[in-house]
Amino acid sequence: ENAQDDPTEVYLYKKRYEPLEGYEARKIIGNTKDQTPEEYEGMKD
């Protein structure tokens, strides 16, 4: 549900899950602003 009066733009994705015996996924909530990004292939830019 939109949590503000102005429009909220959202990218959405869905896929059929491929189970792997002995492992399972769990709910994840986060924000990229709280992460330190990694340098891709060792490139600072």
All heavy atoms as atom14 arrays in JSON, in Angstrom:
{
  "sequence": "ENAQDDPTEVYLYKKRYEPLEGYEARKIIGNTKDQTPEEYEGMKD",
  "atom14_mask": [
    [1, 1, 1, 1, 1, 1, 1, 1, 1, 0, 0, 0, 0, 0],
    [1, 1, 1, 1, 1, 1, 1, 1, 0, 0, 0, 0, 0, 0],
    [1, 1, 1, 1, 1, 0, 0, 0, 0, 0, 0, 0, 0, 0],
    [1, 1, 1, 1, 1, 1, 1, 1, 1, 0, 0, 0, 0, 0],
    [1, 1, 1, 1, 1, 1, 1, 1, 0, 0, 0, 0, 0, 0],
    [1, 1, 1, 1, 1, 1, 1, 1, 0, 0, 0, 0, 0, 0],
    [1, 1, 1, 1, 1, 1, 1, 0, 0, 0, 0, 0, 0, 0],
    [1, 1, 1, 1, 1, 1, 1, 0, 0, 0, 0, 0, 0, 0],
    [1, 1, 1, 1, 1, 1, 1, 1, 1, 0, 0, 0, 0, 0],
    [1, 1, 1, 1, 1, 1, 1, 0, 0, 0, 0, 0, 0, 0],
    [1, 1, 1, 1, 1, 1, 1, 1, 1, 1, 1, 1, 0, 0],
    [1, 1, 1, 1, 1, 1, 1, 1, 0, 0, 0, 0, 0, 0],
    [1, 1, 1, 1, 1, 1, 1, 1, 1, 1, 1, 1, 0, 0],
    [1, 1, 1, 1, 1, 1, 1, 1, 1, 0, 0, 0, 0, 0],
    [1, 1, 1, 1, 1, 1, 1, 1, 1, 0, 0, 0, 0, 0],
    [1, 1, 1, 1, 1, 1, 1, 1, 1, 1, 1, 0, 0, 0],
    [1, 1, 1, 1, 1, 1, 1, 1, 1, 1, 1, 1, 0, 0],
    [1, 1, 1, 1, 1, 1, 1, 1, 1, 0, 0, 0, 0, 0],
    [1, 1, 1, 1, 1, 1, 1, 0, 0, 0, 0, 0, 0, 0],
    [1, 1, 1, 1, 1, 1, 1, 1, 0, 0, 0, 0, 0, 0],
    [1, 1, 1, 1, 1, 1, 1, 1, 1, 0, 0, 0, 0, 0],
    [1, 1, 1, 1, 0, 0, 0, 0, 0, 0, 0, 0, 0, 0],
    [1, 1, 1, 1, 1, 1, 1, 1, 1, 1, 1, 1, 0, 0],
    [1, 1, 1, 1, 1, 1, 1, 1, 1, 0, 0, 0, 0, 0],
    [1, 1, 1, 1, 1, 0, 0, 0, 0, 0, 0, 0, 0, 0],
    [1, 1, 1, 1, 1, 1, 1, 1, 1, 1, 1, 0, 0, 0],
    [1, 1, 1, 1, 1, 1, 1, 1, 1, 0, 0, 0, 0, 0],
    [1, 1, 1, 1, 1, 1, 1, 1, 0, 0, 0, 0, 0, 0],
    [1, 1, 1, 1, 1, 1, 1, 1, 0, 0, 0, 0, 0, 0],
    [1, 1, 1, 1, 0, 0, 0, 0, 0, 0, 0, 0, 0, 0],
    [1, 1, 1, 1, 1, 1, 1, 1, 0, 0, 0, 0, 0, 0],
    [1, 1, 1, 1, 1, 1, 1, 0, 0, 0, 0, 0, 0, 0],
    [1, 1, 1, 1, 1, 1, 1, 1, 1, 0, 0, 0, 0, 0],
    [1, 1, 1, 1, 1, 1, 1, 1, 0, 0, 0, 0, 0, 0],
    [1, 1, 1, 1, 1, 1, 1, 1, 1, 0, 0, 0, 0, 0],
    [1, 1, 1, 1, 1, 1, 1, 0, 0, 0, 0, 0, 0, 0],
    [1, 1, 1, 1, 1, 1, 1, 0, 0, 0, 0, 0, 0, 0],
    [1, 1, 1, 1, 1, 1, 1, 1, 1, 0, 0, 0, 0, 0],
    [1, 1, 1, 1, 1, 1, 1, 1, 1, 0, 0, 0, 0, 0],
    [1, 1, 1, 1, 1, 1, 1, 1, 1, 1, 1, 1, 0, 0],
    [1, 1, 1, 1, 1, 1, 1, 1, 1, 0, 0, 0, 0, 0],
    [1, 1, 1, 1, 0, 0, 0, 0, 0, 0, 0, 0, 0, 0],
    [1, 1, 1, 1, 1, 1, 1, 1, 0, 0, 0, 0, 0, 0],
    [1, 1, 1, 1, 1, 1, 1, 1, 1, 0, 0, 0, 0, 0],
    [1, 1, 1, 1, 1, 1, 1, 1, 0, 0, 0, 0, 0, 0]
  ],
  "atom14_positions": [
    [[0.84, -1.19, 0.0], [0.0, 0.0, 0.0], [0.88, 1.24, 0.0], [1.89, 1.3, 0.72], [-0.92, 0.0, 1.23], [-1.89, 1.16, 1.26], [-2.84, 1.08, 2.45], [-2.79, 0.08, 3.19], [-3.62, 2.03, 2.64], [0.0, 0.0, 0.0], [0.0, 0.0, 0.0], [0.0, 0.0, 0.0], [0.0, 0.0, 0.0], [0.0, 0.0, 0.0]],
    [[0.51, 2.22, -0.82], [1.24, 3.48, -0.82], [1.14, 4.11, 0.57], [0.05, 4.24, 1.12], [0.65, 4.43, -1.87], [1.53, 5.64, -2.14], [2.58, 5.81, -1.51], [1.11, 6.48, -3.05], [0.0, 0.0, 0.0], [0.0, 0.0, 0.0], [0.0, 0.0, 0.0], [0.0, 0.0, 0.0], [0.0, 0.0, 0.0], [0.0, 0.0, 0.0]],
    [[2.27, 4.51, 1.13], [2.3, 5.06, 2.48], [2.47, 6.58, 2.46], [2.9, 7.17, 3.46], [3.42, 4.41, 3.29], [0.0, 0.0, 0.0], [0.0, 0.0, 0.0], [0.0, 0.0, 0.0], [0.0, 0.0, 0.0], [0.0, 0.0, 0.0], [0.0, 0.0, 0.0], [0.0, 0.0, 0.0], [0.0, 0.0, 0.0], [0.0, 0.0, 0.0]],
    [[2.15, 7.22, 1.34], [2.19, 8.68, 1.26], [1.13, 9.13, 0.26], [0.55, 8.32, -0.47], [3.57, 9.18, 0.83], [4.01, 8.69, -0.55], [5.35, 9.24, -0.97], [6.15, 9.67, -0.14], [5.61, 9.25, -2.27], [0.0, 0.0, 0.0], [0.0, 0.0, 0.0], [0.0, 0.0, 0.0], [0.0, 0.0, 0.0], [0.0, 0.0, 0.0]],
    [[0.86, 10.45, 0.24], [-0.14, 10.99, -0.68], [0.39, 11.06, -2.11], [-0.37, 10.86, -3.07], [-0.6, 12.37, -0.22], [-1.44, 12.31, 1.05], [-1.97, 11.22, 1.36], [-1.56, 13.34, 1.74], [0.0, 0.0, 0.0], [0.0, 0.0, 0.0], [0.0, 0.0, 0.0], [0.0, 0.0, 0.0], [0.0, 0.0, 0.0], [0.0, 0.0, 0.0]],
    [[1.69, 11.38, -2.25], [2.28, 11.45, -3.58], [2.49, 10.05, -4.15], [2.55, 9.07, -3.39], [3.62, 12.19, -3.52], [3.47, 13.66, -3.19], [2.4, 14.23, -3.49], [4.42, 14.23, -2.6], [0.0, 0.0, 0.0], [0.0, 0.0, 0.0], [0.0, 0.0, 0.0], [0.0, 0.0, 0.0], [0.0, 0.0, 0.0], [0.0, 0.0, 0.0]],
    [[2.64, 9.92, -5.48], [2.88, 8.6, -6.05], [4.18, 7.97, -5.54], [5.15, 8.67, -5.23], [2.97, 8.88, -7.56], [2.19, 10.14, -7.75], [2.45, 10.96, -6.51], [0.0, 0.0, 0.0], [0.0, 0.0, 0.0], [0.0, 0.0, 0.0], [0.0, 0.0, 0.0], [0.0, 0.0, 0.0], [0.0, 0.0, 0.0], [0.0, 0.0, 0.0]],
    [[4.18, 6.66, -5.44], [5.36, 5.88, -5.07], [5.69, 4.93, -6.21], [4.83, 4.15, -6.63], [5.12, 5.1, -3.77], [5.03, 6.01, -2.67], [6.24, 4.1, -3.5], [0.0, 0.0, 0.0], [0.0, 0.0, 0.0], [0.0, 0.0, 0.0], [0.0, 0.0, 0.0], [0.0, 0.0, 0.0], [0.0, 0.0, 0.0], [0.0, 0.0, 0.0]],
    [[6.93, 5.02, -6.72], [7.35, 4.18, -7.84], [8.07, 2.95, -7.32], [9.01, 3.06, -6.52], [8.25, 4.95, -8.8], [8.59, 4.17, -10.06], [9.43, 4.95, -11.05], [10.05, 5.95, -10.65], [9.48, 4.54, -12.22], [0.0, 0.0, 0.0], [0.0, 0.0, 0.0], [0.0, 0.0, 0.0], [0.0, 0.0, 0.0], [0.0, 0.0, 0.0]],
    [[7.66, 1.77, -7.79], [8.16, 0.5, -7.26], [8.49, -0.45, -8.4], [7.7, -0.63, -9.34], [7.12, -0.17, -6.33], [7.69, -1.43, -5.7], [6.65, 0.8, -5.25], [0.0, 0.0, 0.0], [0.0, 0.0, 0.0], [0.0, 0.0, 0.0], [0.0, 0.0, 0.0], [0.0, 0.0, 0.0], [0.0, 0.0, 0.0], [0.0, 0.0, 0.0]],
    [[9.68, -1.06, -8.33], [10.05, -2.16, -9.23], [9.66, -3.46, -8.53], [10.02, -3.69, -7.37], [11.55, -2.11, -9.51], [12.08, -3.31, -10.27], [11.84, -3.45, -11.64], [12.8, -4.31, -9.63], [12.33, -4.55, -12.35], [13.29, -5.41, -10.32], [13.05, -5.52, -11.68], [13.52, -6.61, -12.37], [0.0, 0.0, 0.0], [0.0, 0.0, 0.0]],
    [[8.93, -4.31, -9.24], [8.43, -5.57, -8.67], [8.93, -6.75, -9.49], [9.07, -6.66, -10.72], [6.9, -5.57, -8.67], [6.21, -4.51, -7.82], [4.72, -4.47, -8.11], [6.46, -4.77, -6.34], [0.0, 0.0, 0.0], [0.0, 0.0, 0.0], [0.0, 0.0, 0.0], [0.0, 0.0, 0.0], [0.0, 0.0, 0.0], [0.0, 0.0, 0.0]],
    [[9.14, -7.85, -8.79], [9.71, -9.06, -9.42], [9.07, -10.28, -8.77], [8.84, -10.31, -7.55], [11.22, -9.07, -9.2], [11.95, -10.34, -9.56], [12.57, -10.49, -10.79], [12.06, -11.39, -8.64], [13.28, -11.64, -11.11], [12.76, -12.55, -8.96], [13.36, -12.67, -10.19], [14.06, -13.81, -10.5], [0.0, 0.0, 0.0], [0.0, 0.0, 0.0]],
    [[8.8, -11.3, -9.58], [8.34, -12.58, -9.03], [8.9, -13.72, -9.87], [9.12, -13.58, -11.08], [6.82, -12.66, -8.96], [6.11, -12.7, -10.31], [4.58, -12.77, -10.12], [3.85, -12.87, -11.45], [2.38, -12.93, -11.28], [0.0, 0.0, 0.0], [0.0, 0.0, 0.0], [0.0, 0.0, 0.0], [0.0, 0.0, 0.0], [0.0, 0.0, 0.0]],
    [[9.13, -14.85, -9.22], [9.7, -16.02, -9.88], [9.29, -17.27, -9.11], [9.14, -17.23, -7.88], [11.23, -15.93, -9.93], [11.9, -17.05, -10.74], [13.42, -16.89, -10.75], [14.04, -17.43, -9.48], [13.97, -18.92, -9.4], [0.0, 0.0, 0.0], [0.0, 0.0, 0.0], [0.0, 0.0, 0.0], [0.0, 0.0, 0.0], [0.0, 0.0, 0.0]],
    [[9.13, -18.37, -9.82], [8.85, -19.63, -9.13], [10.13, -20.12, -8.45], [11.18, -20.23, -9.08], [8.32, -20.67, -10.12], [7.82, -21.94, -9.43], [6.86, -22.7, -10.3], [5.66, -21.92, -10.6], [4.62, -21.77, -9.76], [4.66, -22.35, -8.56], [3.58, -21.07, -10.11], [0.0, 0.0, 0.0], [0.0, 0.0, 0.0], [0.0, 0.0, 0.0]],
    [[10.04, -20.37, -7.17], [11.2, -20.74, -6.36], [11.68, -22.15, -6.7], [10.88, -23.06, -6.91], [10.83, -20.66, -4.88], [11.95, -21.03, -3.93], [13.1, -20.25, -3.86], [11.85, -22.14, -3.1], [14.13, -20.58, -2.98], [12.85, -22.47, -2.22], [14.0, -21.69, -2.17], [15.01, -22.03, -1.3], [0.0, 0.0, 0.0], [0.0, 0.0, 0.0]],
    [[13.01, -22.32, -6.76], [13.63, -23.62, -6.99], [14.18, -24.15, -5.67], [15.24, -23.71, -5.22], [14.76, -23.5, -8.01], [14.33, -23.0, -9.38], [15.51, -22.86, -10.32], [16.29, -23.82, -10.46], [15.67, -21.76, -10.88], [0.0, 0.0, 0.0], [0.0, 0.0, 0.0], [0.0, 0.0, 0.0], [0.0, 0.0, 0.0], [0.0, 0.0, 0.0]],
    [[13.48, -25.06, -5.01], [13.94, -25.56, -3.7], [15.25, -26.31, -3.8], [15.58, -26.89, -4.85], [12.8, -26.49, -3.26], [11.64, -26.14, -4.13], [12.21, -25.66, -5.42], [0.0, 0.0, 0.0], [0.0, 0.0, 0.0], [0.0, 0.0, 0.0], [0.0, 0.0, 0.0], [0.0, 0.0, 0.0], [0.0, 0.0, 0.0], [0.0, 0.0, 0.0]],
    [[16.0, -26.29, -2.71], [17.24, -27.06, -2.6], [17.2, -27.78, -1.25], [17.08, -27.12, -0.21], [18.45, -26.13, -2.69], [19.82, -26.81, -2.65], [20.02, -27.72, -3.86], [20.93, -25.75, -2.6], [0.0, 0.0, 0.0], [0.0, 0.0, 0.0], [0.0, 0.0, 0.0], [0.0, 0.0, 0.0], [0.0, 0.0, 0.0], [0.0, 0.0, 0.0]],
    [[17.29, -29.09, -1.28], [17.14, -29.88, -0.07], [18.12, -29.43, 1.01], [19.32, -29.28, 0.76], [17.34, -31.37, -0.38], [17.07, -32.28, 0.81], [17.2, -33.75, 0.46], [17.43, -34.06, -0.75], [17.06, -34.59, 1.37], [0.0, 0.0, 0.0], [0.0, 0.0, 0.0], [0.0, 0.0, 0.0], [0.0, 0.0, 0.0], [0.0, 0.0, 0.0]],
    [[17.6, -29.19, 2.2], [18.42, -28.79, 3.33], [18.57, -27.29, 3.49], [19.2, -26.83, 4.46], [0.0, 0.0, 0.0], [0.0, 0.0, 0.0], [0.0, 0.0, 0.0], [0.0, 0.0, 0.0], [0.0, 0.0, 0.0], [0.0, 0.0, 0.0], [0.0, 0.0, 0.0], [0.0, 0.0, 0.0], [0.0, 0.0, 0.0], [0.0, 0.0, 0.0]],
    [[17.99, -26.51, 2.58], [18.12, -25.05, 2.63], [16.75, -24.42, 2.41], [15.87, -25.0, 1.77], [19.09, -24.55, 1.56], [20.49, -25.07, 1.72], [20.88, -26.26, 1.09], [21.43, -24.4, 2.5], [22.17, -26.75, 1.22], [22.71, -24.88, 2.64], [23.08, -26.06, 2.01], [24.36, -26.54, 2.14], [0.0, 0.0, 0.0], [0.0, 0.0, 0.0]],
    [[16.59, -23.21, 2.92], [15.36, -22.47, 2.68], [15.64, -20.97, 2.72], [16.64, -20.52, 3.28], [14.28, -22.84, 3.69], [14.63, -22.52, 5.12], [13.52, -22.94, 6.08], [12.68, -23.78, 5.71], [13.51, -22.42, 7.21], [0.0, 0.0, 0.0], [0.0, 0.0, 0.0], [0.0, 0.0, 0.0], [0.0, 0.0, 0.0], [0.0, 0.0, 0.0]],
    [[14.76, -20.22, 2.08], [14.86, -18.76, 2.09], [14.04, -18.19, 3.26], [13.25, -18.91, 3.88], [14.35, -18.2, 0.76], [0.0, 0.0, 0.0], [0.0, 0.0, 0.0], [0.0, 0.0, 0.0], [0.0, 0.0, 0.0], [0.0, 0.0, 0.0], [0.0, 0.0, 0.0], [0.0, 0.0, 0.0], [0.0, 0.0, 0.0], [0.0, 0.0, 0.0]],
    [[14.23, -16.91, 3.53], [13.49, -16.23, 4.59], [13.21, -14.79, 4.16], [13.83, -14.29, 3.22], [14.3, -16.25, 5.89], [15.6, -15.47, 5.81], [16.43, -15.63, 7.08], [17.62, -14.8, 7.07], [18.75, -15.08, 6.45], [18.86, -16.23, 5.77], [19.78, -14.26, 6.5], [0.0, 0.0, 0.0], [0.0, 0.0, 0.0], [0.0, 0.0, 0.0]],
    [[12.29, -14.15, 4.84], [11.95, -12.77, 4.51], [13.14, -11.85, 4.78], [13.83, -11.99, 5.8], [10.75, -12.3, 5.34], [10.27, -10.91, 4.98], [8.98, -10.53, 5.7], [9.22, -10.17, 7.14], [8.0, -9.6, 7.78], [0.0, 0.0, 0.0], [0.0, 0.0, 0.0], [0.0, 0.0, 0.0], [0.0, 0.0, 0.0], [0.0, 0.0, 0.0]],
    [[13.37, -10.92, 3.87], [14.45, -9.95, 4.01], [13.87, -8.55, 3.8], [13.17, -8.3, 2.81], [15.58, -10.18, 2.98], [16.2, -11.56, 3.15], [16.62, -9.07, 3.07], [17.01, -11.74, 4.42], [0.0, 0.0, 0.0], [0.0, 0.0, 0.0], [0.0, 0.0, 0.0], [0.0, 0.0, 0.0], [0.0, 0.0, 0.0], [0.0, 0.0, 0.0]],
    [[14.16, -7.65, 4.72], [13.78, -6.24, 4.61], [15.06, -5.41, 4.74], [15.87, -5.66, 5.65], [12.79, -5.81, 5.71], [11.53, -6.67, 5.67], [12.45, -4.32, 5.58], [10.64, -6.45, 4.47], [0.0, 0.0, 0.0], [0.0, 0.0, 0.0], [0.0, 0.0, 0.0], [0.0, 0.0, 0.0], [0.0, 0.0, 0.0], [0.0, 0.0, 0.0]],
    [[15.27, -4.44, 3.85], [16.48, -3.63, 3.95], [16.36, -2.34, 3.17], [15.32, -2.04, 2.57], [0.0, 0.0, 0.0], [0.0, 0.0, 0.0], [0.0, 0.0, 0.0], [0.0, 0.0, 0.0], [0.0, 0.0, 0.0], [0.0, 0.0, 0.0], [0.0, 0.0, 0.0], [0.0, 0.0, 0.0], [0.0, 0.0, 0.0], [0.0, 0.0, 0.0]],
    [[17.44, -1.57, 3.17], [17.52, -0.34, 2.39], [18.97, -0.15, 1.95], [19.9, -0.3, 2.75], [17.05, 0.87, 3.2], [16.81, 2.09, 2.33], [17.7, 2.57, 1.63], [15.58, 2.61, 2.34], [0.0, 0.0, 0.0], [0.0, 0.0, 0.0], [0.0, 0.0, 0.0], [0.0, 0.0, 0.0], [0.0, 0.0, 0.0], [0.0, 0.0, 0.0]],
    [[19.15, 0.16, 0.67], [20.51, 0.34, 0.15], [21.24, 1.48, 0.84], [22.47, 1.49, 0.87], [20.46, 0.59, -1.37], [19.63, 1.73, -1.65], [19.9, -0.62, -2.1], [0.0, 0.0, 0.0], [0.0, 0.0, 0.0], [0.0, 0.0, 0.0], [0.0, 0.0, 0.0], [0.0, 0.0, 0.0], [0.0, 0.0, 0.0], [0.0, 0.0, 0.0]],
    [[20.49, 2.43, 1.39], [21.14, 3.56, 2.08], [21.86, 3.11, 3.35], [22.73, 3.83, 3.86], [20.09, 4.63, 2.42], [19.47, 5.3, 1.19], [18.43, 6.32, 1.58], [17.8, 6.96, 0.34], [16.74, 7.94, 0.69], [0.0, 0.0, 0.0], [0.0, 0.0, 0.0], [0.0, 0.0, 0.0], [0.0, 0.0, 0.0], [0.0, 0.0, 0.0]],
    [[21.5, 1.95, 3.86], [22.13, 1.42, 5.07], [23.31, 0.51, 4.76], [23.92, -0.04, 5.68], [21.1, 0.65, 5.9], [19.94, 1.52, 6.34], [20.17, 2.72, 6.6], [18.81, 1.01, 6.41], [0.0, 0.0, 0.0], [0.0, 0.0, 0.0], [0.0, 0.0, 0.0], [0.0, 0.0, 0.0], [0.0, 0.0, 0.0], [0.0, 0.0, 0.0]],
    [[23.63, 0.33, 3.48], [24.7, -0.58, 3.07], [25.92, 0.2, 2.59], [25.81, 1.32, 2.1], [24.22, -1.47, 1.93], [23.08, -2.39, 2.27], [22.7, -3.26, 1.08], [23.48, -3.42, 0.15], [21.52, -3.82, 1.11], [0.0, 0.0, 0.0], [0.0, 0.0, 0.0], [0.0, 0.0, 0.0], [0.0, 0.0, 0.0], [0.0, 0.0, 0.0]],
    [[27.06, -0.43, 2.72], [28.28, 0.05, 2.08], [28.46, -0.77, 0.81], [28.67, -1.98, 0.87], [29.5, -0.13, 2.98], [29.32, 0.61, 4.19], [30.77, 0.35, 2.28], [0.0, 0.0, 0.0], [0.0, 0.0, 0.0], [0.0, 0.0, 0.0], [0.0, 0.0, 0.0], [0.0, 0.0, 0.0], [0.0, 0.0, 0.0], [0.0, 0.0, 0.0]],
    [[28.37, -0.14, -0.36], [28.48, -0.92, -1.6], [29.89, -1.45, -1.79], [30.86, -0.91, -1.25], [28.12, 0.1, -2.68], [28.49, 1.42, -2.09], [28.19, 1.31, -0.62], [0.0, 0.0, 0.0], [0.0, 0.0, 0.0], [0.0, 0.0, 0.0], [0.0, 0.0, 0.0], [0.0, 0.0, 0.0], [0.0, 0.0, 0.0], [0.0, 0.0, 0.0]],
    [[29.98, -2.53, -2.57], [31.3, -3.07, -2.89], [31.74, -2.55, -4.25], [30.91, -2.21, -5.11], [31.28, -4.59, -2.9], [30.39, -5.23, -3.94], [30.42, -6.75, -3.88], [29.64, -7.33, -3.1], [31.23, -7.36, -4.62], [0.0, 0.0, 0.0], [0.0, 0.0, 0.0], [0.0, 0.0, 0.0], [0.0, 0.0, 0.0], [0.0, 0.0, 0.0]],
    [[33.05, -2.49, -4.44], [33.59, -2.06, -5.73], [33.48, -3.23, -6.7], [34.02, -4.3, -6.46], [35.04, -1.61, -5.57], [35.19, -0.38, -4.7], [36.64, 0.01, -4.47], [37.54, -0.68, -5.0], [36.88, 1.01, -3.76], [0.0, 0.0, 0.0], [0.0, 0.0, 0.0], [0.0, 0.0, 0.0], [0.0, 0.0, 0.0], [0.0, 0.0, 0.0]],
    [[32.77, -3.03, -7.77], [32.53, -4.1, -8.74], [33.8, -4.38, -9.53], [34.38, -3.48, -10.13], [31.39, -3.68, -9.67], [30.91, -4.77, -10.6], [30.21, -5.86, -10.1], [31.14, -4.7, -11.97], [29.75, -6.86, -10.94], [30.68, -5.7, -12.82], [29.99, -6.78, -12.3], [29.54, -7.77, -13.13], [0.0, 0.0, 0.0], [0.0, 0.0, 0.0]],
    [[34.24, -5.63, -9.52], [35.47, -6.04, -10.22], [36.66, -5.17, -9.83], [37.56, -4.94, -10.63], [35.25, -6.0, -11.74], [34.1, -6.85, -12.25], [34.44, -8.33, -12.31], [35.62, -8.66, -12.17], [33.51, -9.14, -12.51], [0.0, 0.0, 0.0], [0.0, 0.0, 0.0], [0.0, 0.0, 0.0], [0.0, 0.0, 0.0], [0.0, 0.0, 0.0]],
    [[36.64, -4.65, -8.58], [37.75, -3.85, -8.08], [37.82, -2.43, -8.62], [38.84, -1.75, -8.44], [0.0, 0.0, 0.0], [0.0, 0.0, 0.0], [0.0, 0.0, 0.0], [0.0, 0.0, 0.0], [0.0, 0.0, 0.0], [0.0, 0.0, 0.0], [0.0, 0.0, 0.0], [0.0, 0.0, 0.0], [0.0, 0.0, 0.0], [0.0, 0.0, 0.0]],
    [[36.73, -1.93, -9.23], [36.72, -0.58, -9.82], [36.01, 0.39, -8.88], [34.86, 0.19, -8.5], [36.03, -0.61, -11.19], [36.76, -1.48, -12.2], [35.93, -1.58, -13.82], [34.5, -2.58, -13.42], [0.0, 0.0, 0.0], [0.0, 0.0, 0.0], [0.0, 0.0, 0.0], [0.0, 0.0, 0.0], [0.0, 0.0, 0.0], [0.0, 0.0, 0.0]],
    [[36.7, 1.48, -8.52], [36.17, 2.43, -7.55], [35.0, 3.24, -8.1], [34.2, 3.78, -7.31], [37.28, 3.39, -7.09], [38.41, 2.71, -6.34], [39.44, 3.71, -5.85], [40.58, 3.02, -5.11], [40.11, 2.3, -3.91], [0.0, 0.0, 0.0], [0.0, 0.0, 0.0], [0.0, 0.0, 0.0], [0.0, 0.0, 0.0], [0.0, 0.0, 0.0]],
    [[34.86, 3.34, -9.42], [33.78, 4.13, -10.0], [32.61, 3.27, -10.49], [31.73, 3.76, -11.19], [34.29, 5.02, -11.13], [35.09, 4.27, -12.18], [35.24, 3.04, -12.05], [35.58, 4.92, -13.13], [0.0, 0.0, 0.0], [0.0, 0.0, 0.0], [0.0, 0.0, 0.0], [0.0, 0.0, 0.0], [0.0, 0.0, 0.0], [0.0, 0.0, 0.0]]
  ]
}
